[in-house]
Amino acid sequence: MSANAMLPESFRLDGQVAIVTGGGQGIGRASALTLAAAGAAVVCVDLPSGSGAETVALIEKAGGRGRLVLADVTRPEDVQRLADEAFATFGGRIDILMNNAGGAVFRPFLDIDKAHFTQHFELNAASAFLVTQAVSRYMLEAGRGSVLNVSSGAARFGIRGMASYCVAKAAVEQLTRAMAQELAPKLRVNCVSLGAVRTPAMDSFFVADPQAKRKMEERTPLGRLAEPQDIANAALFLSSPAAAYITGAVLHVDGGLQDTNMPSKLPDL
């Protein structure tokens, strides 16, 4: 018997359809693979320049069902198309949406211009609003669904050089609470808040500055950085029937990280 077959029934997603934005690598890829392993058909959303096709290939190699949709989640026309394609791909249903697309570029506060601020807000917060609005219409018609947003400890404390990102992620958490109220009782909306995760971008940063990795591990009570799979496991829980009575929640998957004394420069994510 495979490990996947031994999942408790309340964690199984058989017959369900999930959308994962930013599914080409890191947290998005790990989450897409985990949801697929639990039985869901997964629509992986990525930019044309991304690695979404590789994620879909990995899903299919493991015996799952995957589909790549190329879209820019900050563009309303792309978002509506991805919602329509996702709905039509696997039998006319969408059960799970994970708004994972996002990112940050370091810039000192006094050097931030309106374009930089707007870009971060659109990528991290407005995208979650746009995609959820488009996809939830299908979910509400079916009378069921789970939405999961991705935030960061940056929403709770300031990080030097990342003011735009901090504001955007705080907006994601408040958007989660507001959508949870409006879309209940048919839909659940939750959020997972991250600490430092070993994504490809973060690994590249640590190669350039090995001491930064040691310092971040020391500031994390559990003594290590998160692996993408740590986040994927939380995503599976919040998206599954096991979390059927949870909505409007922000789950902190950060190893207990609370220290605001972050490095003065973090990697471009």
Protein backbone atom coordinates (compact mmCIF):
# COMPACT_ATOMS: atom_id res chain seq x y z
CA MET A 1 0.00 0.00 0.00
CA SER A 2 1.38 3.41 -0.93
CA ALA A 3 1.79 6.22 1.59
CA ASN A 4 -0.81 8.23 -0.32
CA ALA A 5 -3.36 5.44 0.00
CA MET A 6 -2.89 5.48 3.77
CA LEU A 7 -3.99 9.12 4.13
CA PRO A 8 -6.96 9.45 6.50
CA GLU A 9 -10.17 9.83 4.53
CA SER A 10 -10.66 13.39 5.79
CA PHE A 11 -7.41 14.40 4.08
CA ARG A 12 -8.26 12.82 0.74
CA LEU A 13 -9.21 14.99 -2.23
CA ASP A 14 -10.37 12.31 -4.65
CA GLY A 15 -12.50 13.69 -7.45
CA GLN A 16 -11.73 17.29 -6.57
CA VAL A 17 -10.11 19.92 -8.81
CA ALA A 18 -7.51 22.32 -7.45
CA ILE A 19 -5.92 25.45 -8.91
CA VAL A 20 -2.45 26.48 -7.73
CA THR A 21 -1.11 29.82 -8.95
CA GLY A 22 2.64 30.24 -9.12
CA GLY A 23 2.89 26.47 -9.39
CA GLY A 24 6.14 26.29 -11.32
CA GLN A 25 8.59 25.89 -8.45
CA GLY A 26 9.16 26.09 -4.73
CA ILE A 27 6.05 26.26 -2.55
CA GLY A 28 3.69 26.20 -5.53
CA ARG A 29 5.23 23.06 -7.00
CA ALA A 30 5.34 21.24 -3.65
CA SER A 31 1.71 22.15 -3.00
CA ALA A 32 0.55 21.11 -6.46
CA LEU A 33 2.28 17.74 -6.09
CA THR A 34 0.86 17.22 -2.60
CA LEU A 35 -2.70 18.06 -3.60
CA ALA A 36 -2.36 15.73 -6.58
CA ALA A 37 -1.00 12.95 -4.37
CA ALA A 38 -4.10 13.34 -2.18
CA GLY A 39 -6.27 12.68 -5.22
CA ALA A 40 -7.01 16.09 -6.72
CA ALA A 41 -6.67 16.99 -10.37
CA VAL A 42 -4.44 20.07 -10.39
CA VAL A 43 -4.45 23.09 -12.66
CA CYS A 44 -1.00 24.64 -12.39
CA VAL A 45 -0.96 28.35 -13.25
CA ASP A 46 2.31 29.93 -14.27
CA LEU A 47 3.83 32.58 -16.52
CA PRO A 48 5.11 31.51 -19.97
CA SER A 49 8.66 31.99 -18.66
CA GLY A 50 8.03 29.74 -15.66
CA SER A 51 8.48 26.03 -15.01
CA GLY A 52 4.84 25.07 -14.72
CA ALA A 53 5.15 22.42 -17.44
CA GLU A 54 7.71 20.60 -15.31
CA THR A 55 5.31 20.56 -12.36
CA VAL A 56 2.55 19.07 -14.51
CA ALA A 57 4.97 16.46 -15.86
CA LEU A 58 5.89 15.46 -12.31
CA ILE A 59 2.22 15.15 -11.37
CA GLU A 60 1.53 12.92 -14.36
CA LYS A 61 4.66 10.85 -13.80
CA ALA A 62 3.35 10.06 -10.31
CA GLY A 63 0.04 8.92 -11.78
CA GLY A 64 -1.92 12.10 -11.15
CA ARG A 65 -3.81 14.47 -13.40
CA GLY A 66 -2.41 17.90 -14.16
CA ARG A 67 -2.97 20.74 -16.58
CA LEU A 68 -0.90 23.87 -17.23
CA VAL A 69 -2.61 27.22 -17.76
CA LEU A 70 -0.36 30.13 -18.71
CA ALA A 71 -1.59 33.40 -17.22
CA ASP A 72 -0.52 36.63 -15.59
CA VAL A 73 -2.62 36.76 -12.41
CA THR A 74 -2.37 40.55 -12.25
CA ARG A 75 -4.27 40.91 -15.54
CA PRO A 76 -8.08 40.64 -15.28
CA GLU A 77 -8.43 39.24 -18.80
CA ASP A 78 -5.90 36.47 -18.06
CA VAL A 79 -7.57 35.70 -14.74
CA GLN A 80 -11.01 35.20 -16.26
CA ARG A 81 -9.53 32.98 -18.95
CA LEU A 82 -7.70 30.83 -16.42
CA ALA A 83 -10.90 30.44 -14.35
CA ASP A 84 -12.87 29.40 -17.44
CA GLU A 85 -10.17 26.98 -18.62
CA ALA A 86 -9.73 25.46 -15.19
CA PHE A 87 -13.47 24.88 -14.86
CA ALA A 88 -13.73 23.26 -18.28
CA THR A 89 -10.62 21.07 -18.03
CA PHE A 90 -11.64 18.44 -15.49
CA GLY A 91 -15.36 17.87 -15.84
CA GLY A 92 -16.75 21.30 -15.02
CA ARG A 93 -15.79 21.81 -11.38
CA ILE A 94 -13.35 23.70 -9.17
CA ASP A 95 -13.05 22.77 -5.51
CA ILE A 96 -9.78 24.30 -4.30
CA LEU A 97 -7.92 27.51 -5.08
CA MET A 98 -4.46 28.22 -3.71
CA ASN A 99 -3.36 31.81 -4.36
CA ASN A 100 0.38 31.22 -4.15
CA ALA A 101 1.69 33.64 -6.79
CA GLY A 102 3.70 36.49 -5.29
CA GLY A 103 7.16 37.83 -4.70
CA ALA A 104 9.30 40.68 -3.50
CA VAL A 105 12.22 42.82 -4.60
CA PHE A 106 14.34 44.59 -1.99
CA ARG A 107 14.32 48.40 -2.08
CA PRO A 108 15.00 50.92 0.72
CA PHE A 109 11.90 52.84 1.76
CA LEU A 110 13.13 56.22 0.47
CA ASP A 111 13.87 54.68 -2.93
CA ILE A 112 10.40 53.19 -3.43
CA ASP A 113 8.39 54.85 -6.18
CA LYS A 114 4.72 54.42 -6.95
CA ALA A 115 5.38 51.87 -9.68
CA HIS A 116 7.36 49.64 -7.31
CA PHE A 117 4.71 49.89 -4.59
CA THR A 118 1.87 49.21 -7.04
CA GLN A 119 3.69 46.25 -8.61
CA HIS A 120 4.07 44.53 -5.24
CA PHE A 121 0.47 45.18 -4.25
CA GLU A 122 -0.85 43.86 -7.56
CA LEU A 123 1.29 40.71 -7.53
CA ASN A 124 0.78 39.76 -3.89
CA ALA A 125 -2.65 41.12 -2.94
CA ALA A 126 -4.67 42.22 -5.95
CA SER A 127 -3.94 38.93 -7.70
CA ALA A 128 -5.52 36.98 -4.83
CA PHE A 129 -8.57 39.26 -5.06
CA LEU A 130 -8.88 38.90 -8.84
CA VAL A 131 -8.41 35.14 -9.02
CA THR A 132 -10.67 34.42 -6.07
CA GLN A 133 -13.41 36.63 -7.46
CA ALA A 134 -13.32 34.86 -10.82
CA VAL A 135 -13.01 31.32 -9.47
CA SER A 136 -15.43 31.71 -6.56
CA ARG A 137 -18.31 32.35 -8.94
CA TYR A 138 -17.96 28.77 -10.16
CA MET A 139 -17.51 27.48 -6.61
CA LEU A 140 -20.56 29.31 -5.29
CA GLU A 141 -22.71 27.96 -8.09
CA ALA A 142 -21.66 24.45 -7.06
CA GLY A 143 -22.18 25.28 -3.40
CA ARG A 144 -18.72 24.28 -2.19
CA GLY A 145 -15.07 25.26 -2.24
CA SER A 146 -11.93 26.15 -0.34
CA VAL A 147 -9.67 29.14 -0.96
CA LEU A 148 -6.18 29.35 0.49
CA ASN A 149 -4.09 32.52 0.37
CA VAL A 150 -0.36 32.74 1.07
CA SER A 151 1.01 35.43 3.35
CA SER A 152 4.23 36.04 5.27
CA GLY A 153 5.51 37.10 8.64
CA ALA A 154 6.10 40.41 6.84
CA ALA A 155 2.40 41.07 7.41
CA ARG A 156 2.97 41.10 11.19
CA PHE A 157 6.27 42.92 11.54
CA GLY A 158 8.31 45.30 9.45
CA ILE A 159 11.29 44.12 7.43
CA ARG A 160 13.92 46.62 6.38
CA GLY A 161 13.92 47.21 2.65
CA MET A 162 10.60 45.45 2.07
CA ALA A 163 7.94 48.02 2.95
CA SER A 164 5.90 47.35 -0.20
CA TYR A 165 5.90 43.61 0.43
CA CYS A 166 4.92 44.05 4.09
CA VAL A 167 1.92 46.17 3.16
CA ALA A 168 0.82 43.77 0.43
CA LYS A 169 0.99 40.70 2.66
CA ALA A 170 -0.91 42.47 5.44
CA ALA A 171 -3.59 43.17 2.85
CA VAL A 172 -3.69 39.48 1.93
CA GLU A 173 -4.49 38.52 5.52
CA GLN A 174 -7.23 41.10 5.88
CA LEU A 175 -8.63 40.13 2.48
CA THR A 176 -8.76 36.54 3.75
CA ARG A 177 -10.89 37.57 6.73
CA ALA A 178 -13.23 39.71 4.64
CA MET A 179 -13.74 37.07 1.94
CA ALA A 180 -14.32 34.40 4.59
CA GLN A 181 -17.24 36.44 5.92
CA GLU A 182 -18.77 37.18 2.53
CA LEU A 183 -18.36 33.77 0.90
CA ALA A 184 -19.56 31.69 3.86
CA PRO A 185 -21.25 29.33 4.36
CA LYS A 186 -20.64 27.78 0.96
CA LEU A 187 -16.91 28.59 0.73
CA ARG A 188 -14.09 28.53 3.24
CA VAL A 189 -11.24 31.06 2.94
CA ASN A 190 -8.02 30.67 4.92
CA CYS A 191 -4.43 31.81 4.81
CA VAL A 192 -1.05 30.26 5.53
CA SER A 193 1.64 32.67 6.78
CA LEU A 194 5.25 31.76 6.09
CA GLY A 195 8.60 32.36 7.68
CA ALA A 196 11.85 31.68 5.84
CA VAL A 197 11.38 28.92 3.25
CA ARG A 198 14.13 27.20 1.27
CA THR A 199 12.93 28.14 -2.20
CA PRO A 200 15.37 28.32 -5.16
CA ALA A 201 15.59 32.10 -4.73
CA MET A 202 16.38 31.77 -1.03
CA ASP A 203 19.00 29.09 -1.68
CA SER A 204 20.73 31.38 -4.19
CA PHE A 205 20.77 34.15 -1.61
CA PHE A 206 22.39 31.88 0.96
CA VAL A 207 25.13 30.87 -1.48
CA ALA A 208 26.03 34.55 -1.74
CA ASP A 209 25.71 35.13 2.02
CA PRO A 210 26.13 31.87 4.01
CA GLN A 211 26.06 33.73 7.33
CA ALA A 212 22.52 34.93 6.64
CA LYS A 213 21.27 31.33 6.65
CA ARG A 214 22.91 30.63 10.00
CA LYS A 215 21.45 33.80 11.51
CA MET A 216 17.95 33.04 10.27
CA GLU A 217 18.15 29.51 11.66
CA GLU A 218 19.27 30.88 15.02
CA ARG A 219 16.30 33.28 15.11
CA THR A 220 13.86 30.46 14.39
CA PRO A 221 12.89 28.53 17.53
CA LEU A 222 12.69 25.21 15.65
CA GLY A 223 16.26 25.79 14.48
CA ARG A 224 15.82 25.39 10.75
CA LEU A 225 14.25 26.98 7.70
CA ALA A 226 11.04 25.59 6.27
CA GLU A 227 11.10 23.27 3.30
CA PRO A 228 8.45 23.85 0.62
CA GLN A 229 6.90 20.55 1.70
CA ASP A 230 6.23 21.99 5.18
CA ILE A 231 4.00 24.59 3.56
CA ALA A 232 2.43 22.07 1.20
CA ASN A 233 1.40 19.91 4.15
CA ALA A 234 -0.39 22.88 5.73
CA ALA A 235 -2.02 23.67 2.38
CA LEU A 236 -3.36 20.13 2.16
CA PHE A 237 -4.82 20.34 5.66
CA LEU A 238 -6.57 23.68 5.14
CA SER A 239 -7.89 22.63 1.73
CA SER A 240 -9.17 19.24 2.86
CA PRO A 241 -12.36 18.08 4.63
CA ALA A 242 -10.21 17.76 7.77
CA ALA A 243 -10.47 21.57 8.06
CA ALA A 244 -14.18 21.72 7.28
CA TYR A 245 -14.91 23.95 10.31
CA ILE A 246 -12.05 26.38 9.73
CA THR A 247 -12.51 29.65 7.83
CA GLY A 248 -11.03 33.13 8.15
CA ALA A 249 -7.94 31.67 9.84
CA VAL A 250 -4.29 32.59 9.38
CA LEU A 251 -2.08 29.57 10.12
CA HIS A 252 1.52 30.53 10.94
CA VAL A 253 3.89 27.95 9.47
CA ASP A 254 7.11 29.68 10.44
CA GLY A 255 8.92 27.53 12.98
CA GLY A 256 7.93 29.99 15.72
CA LEU A 257 9.75 32.91 14.09
CA GLN A 258 8.74 36.16 15.78
CA ASP A 259 11.98 38.16 15.69
CA THR A 260 11.73 41.44 13.77
CA ASN A 261 15.49 41.76 13.49
CA MET A 262 15.67 40.37 9.98
CA PRO A 263 18.66 40.80 7.63
CA SER A 264 18.81 44.25 6.09
CA LYS A 265 18.66 42.68 2.64
CA LEU A 266 16.60 39.65 1.72
CA PRO A 267 16.67 37.88 -1.66
CA ASP A 268 14.48 38.83 -4.59
CA LEU A 269 11.80 36.15 -4.37
